[in-house]
Amino acid sequence: MLISIPPKYSVSQVMGLIKGKSAIAIARNYGGKRKNFVGQHFWARGYYVSTVGRDEGTVRKYIQEQESEDQRIEQLRLSDEW
């Protein structure tokens, strides 16, 4: 998703709102859940912000690295459970 946020809004607050509300909506519409995600994670932890302009190559690289990072964190979490 590529969005433009006016300077009067905090990027972190807008991203938190988008991630939170969309995760709840997706869970309710497609997961059959009537309650919010509690203790679960739907979206990746981070997000990419650029104040210079849109660079598709940079965004693609970030997404690929984020997927790898999510897998690494999941493996660490699973190894801690053993």
PDB file of N, CA and C in Angstrom:
ATOM      1  N   MET A   1       0.848  -1.150   0.000  1.00  0.00           N
ATOM      2  CA  MET A   1       0.000   0.000   0.000  1.00  0.00           C
ATOM      3  C   MET A   1       0.903   1.225   0.000  1.00  0.00           C
ATOM      4  N   LEU A   2       0.577   2.168  -0.816  1.00  0.00           N
ATOM      5  CA  LEU A   2       1.331   3.406  -0.893  1.00  0.00           C
ATOM      6  C   LEU A   2       0.375   4.543  -0.584  1.00  0.00           C
ATOM      7  N   ILE A   3       0.656   5.277   0.488  1.00  0.00           N
ATOM      8  CA  ILE A   3      -0.228   6.371   0.879  1.00  0.00           C
ATOM      9  C   ILE A   3       0.581   7.643   1.114  1.00  0.00           C
ATOM     10  N   SER A   4      -0.111   8.751   1.067  1.00  0.00           N
ATOM     11  CA  SER A   4       0.491  10.038   1.369  1.00  0.00           C
ATOM     12  C   SER A   4      -0.193  10.571   2.625  1.00  0.00           C
ATOM     13  N   ILE A   5       0.595  10.971   3.614  1.00  0.00           N
ATOM     14  CA  ILE A   5       0.048  11.442   4.884  1.00  0.00           C
ATOM     15  C   ILE A   5       0.368  12.927   5.027  1.00  0.00           C
ATOM     16  N   PRO A   6      -0.641  13.755   5.235  1.00  0.00           N
ATOM     17  CA  PRO A   6      -0.384  15.185   5.426  1.00  0.00           C
ATOM     18  C   PRO A   6       0.517  15.416   6.642  1.00  0.00           C
ATOM     19  N   PRO A   7       1.357  16.442   6.612  1.00  0.00           N
ATOM     20  CA  PRO A   7       2.323  16.682   7.698  1.00  0.00           C
ATOM     21  C   PRO A   7       1.698  16.880   9.077  1.00  0.00           C
ATOM     22  N   LYS A   8       0.439  17.270   9.133  1.00  0.00           N
ATOM     23  CA  LYS A   8      -0.169  17.515  10.445  1.00  0.00           C
ATOM     24  C   LYS A   8      -0.471  16.227  11.207  1.00  0.00           C
ATOM     25  N   TYR A   9      -0.374  15.062  10.539  1.00  0.00           N
ATOM     26  CA  TYR A   9      -0.632  13.779  11.187  1.00  0.00           C
ATOM     27  C   TYR A   9       0.672  13.034  11.432  1.00  0.00           C
ATOM     28  N   SER A  10       0.742  12.321  12.539  1.00  0.00           N
ATOM     29  CA  SER A  10       1.896  11.493  12.866  1.00  0.00           C
ATOM     30  C   SER A  10       1.857  10.210  12.033  1.00  0.00           C
ATOM     31  N   VAL A  11       2.974   9.896  11.403  1.00  0.00           N
ATOM     32  CA  VAL A  11       3.052   8.680  10.582  1.00  0.00           C
ATOM     33  C   VAL A  11       2.768   7.443  11.428  1.00  0.00           C
ATOM     34  N   SER A  12       3.353   7.372  12.614  1.00  0.00           N
ATOM     35  CA  SER A  12       3.167   6.185  13.451  1.00  0.00           C
ATOM     36  C   SER A  12       1.707   6.028  13.881  1.00  0.00           C
ATOM     37  N   GLN A  13       1.024   7.120  14.167  1.00  0.00           N
ATOM     38  CA  GLN A  13      -0.386   7.024  14.553  1.00  0.00           C
ATOM     39  C   GLN A  13      -1.254   6.587  13.385  1.00  0.00           C
ATOM     40  N   VAL A  14      -0.986   7.129  12.198  1.00  0.00           N
ATOM     41  CA  VAL A  14      -1.762   6.738  11.014  1.00  0.00           C
ATOM     42  C   VAL A  14      -1.534   5.261  10.709  1.00  0.00           C
ATOM     43  N   MET A  15      -0.280   4.808  10.771  1.00  0.00           N
ATOM     44  CA  MET A  15       0.013   3.399  10.492  1.00  0.00           C
ATOM     45  C   MET A  15      -0.622   2.493  11.544  1.00  0.00           C
ATOM     46  N   GLY A  16      -0.573   2.895  12.804  1.00  0.00           N
ATOM     47  CA  GLY A  16      -1.212   2.105  13.856  1.00  0.00           C
ATOM     48  C   GLY A  16      -2.702   1.989  13.628  1.00  0.00           C
ATOM     49  N   LEU A  17      -3.328   3.081  13.231  1.00  0.00           N
ATOM     50  CA  LEU A  17      -4.760   3.077  12.951  1.00  0.00           C
ATOM     51  C   LEU A  17      -5.088   2.168  11.764  1.00  0.00           C
ATOM     52  N   ILE A  18      -4.335   2.306  10.682  1.00  0.00           N
ATOM     53  CA  ILE A  18      -4.574   1.485   9.488  1.00  0.00           C
ATOM     54  C   ILE A  18      -4.382   0.003   9.800  1.00  0.00           C
ATOM     55  N   LYS A  19      -3.281  -0.333  10.444  1.00  0.00           N
ATOM     56  CA  LYS A  19      -3.004  -1.736  10.751  1.00  0.00           C
ATOM     57  C   LYS A  19      -4.027  -2.311  11.733  1.00  0.00           C
ATOM     58  N   GLY A  20      -4.345  -1.560  12.757  1.00  0.00           N
ATOM     59  CA  GLY A  20      -5.286  -2.048  13.769  1.00  0.00           C
ATOM     60  C   GLY A  20      -6.683  -2.259  13.228  1.00  0.00           C
ATOM     61  N   LYS A  21      -7.220  -1.247  12.571  1.00  0.00           N
ATOM     62  CA  LYS A  21      -8.593  -1.336  12.064  1.00  0.00           C
ATOM     63  C   LYS A  21      -8.717  -2.363  10.947  1.00  0.00           C
ATOM     64  N   SER A  22      -7.706  -2.438  10.074  1.00  0.00           N
ATOM     65  CA  SER A  22      -7.793  -3.410   8.979  1.00  0.00           C
ATOM     66  C   SER A  22      -7.670  -4.842   9.497  1.00  0.00           C
ATOM     67  N   ALA A  23      -6.836  -5.082  10.498  1.00  0.00           N
ATOM     68  CA  ALA A  23      -6.703  -6.432  11.067  1.00  0.00           C
ATOM     69  C   ALA A  23      -8.017  -6.868  11.698  1.00  0.00           C
ATOM     70  N   ILE A  24      -8.678  -5.960  12.402  1.00  0.00           N
ATOM     71  CA  ILE A  24      -9.967  -6.284  13.016  1.00  0.00           C
ATOM     72  C   ILE A  24     -11.008  -6.578  11.947  1.00  0.00           C
ATOM     73  N   ALA A  25     -11.058  -5.739  10.914  1.00  0.00           N
ATOM     74  CA  ALA A  25     -12.046  -5.930   9.842  1.00  0.00           C
ATOM     75  C   ALA A  25     -11.816  -7.244   9.106  1.00  0.00           C
ATOM     76  N   ILE A  26     -10.566  -7.558   8.803  1.00  0.00           N
ATOM     77  CA  ILE A  26     -10.259  -8.804   8.094  1.00  0.00           C
ATOM     78  C   ILE A  26     -10.618 -10.007   8.958  1.00  0.00           C
ATOM     79  N   ALA A  27     -10.302  -9.951  10.245  1.00  0.00           N
ATOM     80  CA  ALA A  27     -10.629 -11.060  11.145  1.00  0.00           C
ATOM     81  C   ALA A  27     -12.137 -11.275  11.213  1.00  0.00           C
ATOM     82  N   ARG A  28     -12.878 -10.196  11.295  1.00  0.00           N
ATOM     83  CA  ARG A  28     -14.341 -10.312  11.388  1.00  0.00           C
ATOM     84  C   ARG A  28     -14.964 -10.790  10.083  1.00  0.00           C
ATOM     85  N   ASN A  29     -14.477 -10.271   8.954  1.00  0.00           N
ATOM     86  CA  ASN A  29     -15.084 -10.602   7.662  1.00  0.00           C
ATOM     87  C   ASN A  29     -14.670 -11.965   7.123  1.00  0.00           C
ATOM     88  N   TYR A  30     -13.412 -12.334   7.337  1.00  0.00           N
ATOM     89  CA  TYR A  30     -12.903 -13.553   6.713  1.00  0.00           C
ATOM     90  C   TYR A  30     -12.539 -14.641   7.706  1.00  0.00           C
ATOM     91  N   GLY A  31     -12.307 -14.286   8.935  1.00  0.00           N
ATOM     92  CA  GLY A  31     -11.910 -15.280   9.920  1.00  0.00           C
ATOM     93  C   GLY A  31     -13.048 -15.757  10.786  1.00  0.00           C
ATOM     94  N   GLY A  32     -14.215 -15.133  10.644  1.00  0.00           N
ATOM     95  CA  GLY A  32     -15.357 -15.536  11.441  1.00  0.00           C
ATOM     96  C   GLY A  32     -15.237 -15.128  12.895  1.00  0.00           C
ATOM     97  N   LYS A  33     -14.282 -14.268  13.215  1.00  0.00           N
ATOM     98  CA  LYS A  33     -14.097 -13.851  14.604  1.00  0.00           C
ATOM     99  C   LYS A  33     -14.979 -12.654  14.910  1.00  0.00           C
ATOM    100  N   ARG A  34     -15.533 -12.640  16.086  1.00  0.00           N
ATOM    101  CA  ARG A  34     -16.341 -11.510  16.521  1.00  0.00           C
ATOM    102  C   ARG A  34     -15.580 -10.637  17.506  1.00  0.00           C
ATOM    103  N   LYS A  35     -14.441 -11.128  17.978  1.00  0.00           N
ATOM    104  CA  LYS A  35     -13.617 -10.353  18.901  1.00  0.00           C
ATOM    105  C   LYS A  35     -12.338  -9.928  18.188  1.00  0.00           C
ATOM    106  N   ASN A  36     -11.680  -8.945  18.724  1.00  0.00           N
ATOM    107  CA  ASN A  36     -10.439  -8.453  18.144  1.00  0.00           C
ATOM    108  C   ASN A  36      -9.313  -9.464  18.353  1.00  0.00           C
ATOM    109  N   PHE A  37      -8.215  -9.270  17.614  1.00  0.00           N
ATOM    110  CA  PHE A  37      -7.025 -10.083  17.812  1.00  0.00           C
ATOM    111  C   PHE A  37      -6.446  -9.726  19.177  1.00  0.00           C
ATOM    112  N   VAL A  38      -6.386 -10.662  20.067  1.00  0.00           N
ATOM    113  CA  VAL A  38      -5.778 -10.423  21.372  1.00  0.00           C
ATOM    114  C   VAL A  38      -4.585 -11.356  21.475  1.00  0.00           C
ATOM    115  N   GLY A  39      -3.393 -10.775  21.587  1.00  0.00           N
ATOM    116  CA  GLY A  39      -2.181 -11.570  21.677  1.00  0.00           C
ATOM    117  C   GLY A  39      -1.747 -12.189  20.363  1.00  0.00           C
ATOM    118  N   GLN A  40      -2.366 -11.777  19.272  1.00  0.00           N
ATOM    119  CA  GLN A  40      -2.014 -12.299  17.956  1.00  0.00           C
ATOM    120  C   GLN A  40      -1.485 -11.155  17.109  1.00  0.00           C
ATOM    121  N   HIS A  41      -0.743 -11.502  16.073  1.00  0.00           N
ATOM    122  CA  HIS A  41      -0.180 -10.490  15.184  1.00  0.00           C
ATOM    123  C   HIS A  41      -0.635 -10.789  13.767  1.00  0.00           C
ATOM    124  N   PHE A  42      -1.212  -9.800  13.129  1.00  0.00           N
ATOM    125  CA  PHE A  42      -1.681  -9.974  11.759  1.00  0.00           C
ATOM    126  C   PHE A  42      -0.705  -9.358  10.776  1.00  0.00           C
ATOM    127  N   TRP A  43      -0.269  -8.133  11.032  1.00  0.00           N
ATOM    128  CA  TRP A  43       0.644  -7.421  10.151  1.00  0.00           C
ATOM    129  C   TRP A  43       2.072  -7.547  10.649  1.00  0.00           C
ATOM    130  N   ALA A  44       3.018  -7.308   9.756  1.00  0.00           N
ATOM    131  CA  ALA A  44       4.427  -7.234  10.153  1.00  0.00           C
ATOM    132  C   ALA A  44       4.606  -6.052  11.104  1.00  0.00           C
ATOM    133  N   ARG A  45       5.624  -6.106  11.934  1.00  0.00           N
ATOM    134  CA  ARG A  45       5.832  -5.068  12.947  1.00  0.00           C
ATOM    135  C   ARG A  45       6.149  -3.715  12.337  1.00  0.00           C
ATOM    136  N   GLY A  46       6.914  -3.667  11.274  1.00  0.00           N
ATOM    137  CA  GLY A  46       7.407  -2.399  10.754  1.00  0.00           C
ATOM    138  C   GLY A  46       6.608  -1.842   9.599  1.00  0.00           C
ATOM    139  N   TYR A  47       7.085  -0.711   9.130  1.00  0.00           N
ATOM    140  CA  TYR A  47       6.556  -0.088   7.931  1.00  0.00           C
ATOM    141  C   TYR A  47       7.649   0.791   7.355  1.00  0.00           C
ATOM    142  N   TYR A  48       7.542   1.080   6.082  1.00  0.00           N
ATOM    143  CA  TYR A  48       8.553   1.866   5.391  1.00  0.00           C
ATOM    144  C   TYR A  48       8.021   3.276   5.181  1.00  0.00           C
ATOM    145  N   VAL A  49       8.853   4.263   5.475  1.00  0.00           N
ATOM    146  CA  VAL A  49       8.478   5.658   5.292  1.00  0.00           C
ATOM    147  C   VAL A  49       9.544   6.340   4.445  1.00  0.00           C
ATOM    148  N   SER A  50       9.095   7.076   3.451  1.00  0.00           N
ATOM    149  CA  SER A  50      10.011   7.866   2.639  1.00  0.00           C
ATOM    150  C   SER A  50       9.499   9.293   2.582  1.00  0.00           C
ATOM    151  N   THR A  51      10.383  10.225   2.819  1.00  0.00           N
ATOM    152  CA  THR A  51       9.984  11.632   2.751  1.00  0.00           C
ATOM    153  C   THR A  51      10.482  12.284   1.474  1.00  0.00           C
ATOM    154  N   VAL A  52      11.101  11.494   0.604  1.00  0.00           N
ATOM    155  CA  VAL A  52      11.693  12.039  -0.612  1.00  0.00           C
ATOM    156  C   VAL A  52      10.800  11.835  -1.823  1.00  0.00           C
ATOM    157  N   GLY A  53      10.217  10.688  -1.944  1.00  0.00           N
ATOM    158  CA  GLY A  53       9.402  10.378  -3.107  1.00  0.00           C
ATOM    159  C   GLY A  53       9.189   8.890  -3.212  1.00  0.00           C
ATOM    160  N   ARG A  54       8.487   8.496  -4.227  1.00  0.00           N
ATOM    161  CA  ARG A  54       8.183   7.076  -4.410  1.00  0.00           C
ATOM    162  C   ARG A  54       9.259   6.407  -5.248  1.00  0.00           C
ATOM    163  N   ASP A  55       9.840   5.361  -4.714  1.00  0.00           N
ATOM    164  CA  ASP A  55      10.861   4.594  -5.402  1.00  0.00           C
ATOM    165  C   ASP A  55      10.461   3.128  -5.306  1.00  0.00           C
ATOM    166  N   GLU A  56       9.894   2.598  -6.365  1.00  0.00           N
ATOM    167  CA  GLU A  56       9.353   1.238  -6.343  1.00  0.00           C
ATOM    168  C   GLU A  56      10.405   0.199  -5.985  1.00  0.00           C
ATOM    169  N   GLY A  57      11.607   0.366  -6.478  1.00  0.00           N
ATOM    170  CA  GLY A  57      12.669  -0.590  -6.176  1.00  0.00           C
ATOM    171  C   GLY A  57      12.989  -0.647  -4.688  1.00  0.00           C
ATOM    172  N   THR A  58      13.039   0.504  -4.048  1.00  0.00           N
ATOM    173  CA  THR A  58      13.318   0.560  -2.616  1.00  0.00           C
ATOM    174  C   THR A  58      12.196  -0.079  -1.819  1.00  0.00           C
ATOM    175  N   VAL A  59      10.958   0.169  -2.225  1.00  0.00           N
ATOM    176  CA  VAL A  59       9.805  -0.418  -1.535  1.00  0.00           C
ATOM    177  C   VAL A  59       9.817  -1.933  -1.686  1.00  0.00           C
ATOM    178  N   ARG A  60      10.078  -2.418  -2.888  1.00  0.00           N
ATOM    179  CA  ARG A  60      10.140  -3.868  -3.104  1.00  0.00           C
ATOM    180  C   ARG A  60      11.233  -4.512  -2.244  1.00  0.00           C
ATOM    181  N   LYS A  61      12.401  -3.876  -2.182  1.00  0.00           N
ATOM    182  CA  LYS A  61      13.502  -4.403  -1.378  1.00  0.00           C
ATOM    183  C   LYS A  61      13.110  -4.455   0.092  1.00  0.00           C
ATOM    184  N   TYR A  62      12.469  -3.407   0.578  1.00  0.00           N
ATOM    185  CA  TYR A  62      12.032  -3.385   1.976  1.00  0.00           C
ATOM    186  C   TYR A  62      11.067  -4.534   2.255  1.00  0.00           C
ATOM    187  N   ILE A  63      10.107  -4.758   1.367  1.00  0.00           N
ATOM    188  CA  ILE A  63       9.116  -5.819   1.573  1.00  0.00           C
ATOM    189  C   ILE A  63       9.801  -7.184   1.611  1.00  0.00           C
ATOM    190  N   GLN A  64      10.729  -7.418   0.698  1.00  0.00           N
ATOM    191  CA  GLN A  64      11.436  -8.699   0.686  1.00  0.00           C
ATOM    192  C   GLN A  64      12.242  -8.895   1.965  1.00  0.00           C
ATOM    193  N   GLU A  65      12.910  -7.855   2.416  1.00  0.00           N
ATOM    194  CA  GLU A  65      13.684  -7.965   3.655  1.00  0.00           C
ATOM    195  C   GLU A  65      12.772  -8.135   4.865  1.00  0.00           C
ATOM    196  N   GLN A  66      11.616  -7.512   4.848  1.00  0.00           N
ATOM    197  CA  GLN A  66      10.674  -7.635   5.956  1.00  0.00           C
ATOM    198  C   GLN A  66      10.150  -9.063   6.067  1.00  0.00           C
ATOM    199  N   GLU A  67       9.878  -9.687   4.914  1.00  0.00           N
ATOM    200  CA  GLU A  67       9.422 -11.077   4.932  1.00  0.00           C
ATOM    201  C   GLU A  67      10.485 -11.979   5.557  1.00  0.00           C
ATOM    202  N   SER A  68      11.743 -11.765   5.203  1.00  0.00           N
ATOM    203  CA  SER A  68      12.834 -12.556   5.774  1.00  0.00           C
ATOM    204  C   SER A  68      12.950 -12.312   7.276  1.00  0.00           C
ATOM    205  N   GLU A  69      12.819 -11.055   7.681  1.00  0.00           N
ATOM    206  CA  GLU A  69      12.905 -10.711   9.099  1.00  0.00           C
ATOM    207  C   GLU A  69      11.762 -11.348   9.882  1.00  0.00           C
ATOM    208  N   ASP A  70      10.552 -11.338   9.331  1.00  0.00           N
ATOM    209  CA  ASP A  70       9.414 -11.972   9.995  1.00  0.00           C
ATOM    210  C   ASP A  70       9.642 -13.469  10.178  1.00  0.00           C
ATOM    211  N   GLN A  71      10.199 -14.123   9.160  1.00  0.00           N
ATOM    212  CA  GLN A  71      10.482 -15.547   9.257  1.00  0.00           C
ATOM    213  C   GLN A  71      11.535 -15.815  10.331  1.00  0.00           C
ATOM    214  N   ARG A  72      12.564 -14.958  10.399  1.00  0.00           N
ATOM    215  CA  ARG A  72      13.611 -15.116  11.399  1.00  0.00           C
ATOM    216  C   ARG A  72      13.048 -14.969  12.813  1.00  0.00           C
ATOM    217  N   ILE A  73      12.205 -13.975  13.014  1.00  0.00           N
ATOM    218  CA  ILE A  73      11.599 -13.753  14.327  1.00  0.00           C
ATOM    219  C   ILE A  73      10.692 -14.917  14.705  1.00  0.00           C
ATOM    220  N   GLU A  74       9.938 -15.427  13.749  1.00  0.00           N
ATOM    221  CA  GLU A  74       9.053 -16.566  14.010  1.00  0.00           C
ATOM    222  C   GLU A  74       9.865 -17.797  14.408  1.00  0.00           C
ATOM    223  N   GLN A  75      10.993 -18.038  13.734  1.00  0.00           N
ATOM    224  CA  GLN A  75      11.839 -19.172  14.085  1.00  0.00           C
ATOM    225  C   GLN A  75      12.415 -19.023  15.485  1.00  0.00           C
ATOM    226  N   LEU A  76      12.830 -17.799  15.835  1.00  0.00           N
ATOM    227  CA  LEU A  76      13.341 -17.562  17.181  1.00  0.00           C
ATOM    228  C   LEU A  76      12.255 -17.800  18.224  1.00  0.00           C
ATOM    229  N   ARG A  77      11.055 -17.350  17.933  1.00  0.00           N
ATOM    230  CA  ARG A  77       9.939 -17.516  18.861  1.00  0.00           C
ATOM    231  C   ARG A  77       9.625 -18.995  19.041  1.00  0.00           C
ATOM    232  N   LEU A  78       9.629 -19.754  17.962  1.00  0.00           N
ATOM    233  CA  LEU A  78       9.343 -21.190  18.045  1.00  0.00           C
ATOM    234  C   LEU A  78      10.435 -21.925  18.803  1.00  0.00           C
ATOM    235  N   SER A  79      11.698 -21.516  18.604  1.00  0.00           N
ATOM    236  CA  SER A  79      12.782 -22.195  19.321  1.00  0.00           C
ATOM    237  C   SER A  79      12.731 -21.895  20.814  1.00  0.00           C
ATOM    238  N   ASP A  80      12.229 -20.723  21.189  1.00  0.00           N
ATOM    239  CA  ASP A  80      12.069 -20.399  22.616  1.00  0.00           C
ATOM    240  C   ASP A  80      10.986 -21.229  23.282  1.00  0.00           C
ATOM    241  N   GLU A  81      10.010 -21.674  22.499  1.00  0.00           N
ATOM    242  CA  GLU A  81       8.914 -22.471  23.050  1.00  0.00           C
ATOM    243  C   GLU A  81       9.348 -23.892  23.358  1.00  0.00           C
ATOM    244  N   TRP A  82      10.424 -24.345  22.726  1.00  0.00           N
ATOM    245  CA  TRP A  82      10.910 -25.705  22.969  1.00  0.00           C
ATOM    246  C   TRP A  82      11.666 -25.683  24.215  1.00  0.00           C
TER     247      TRP A  82
END
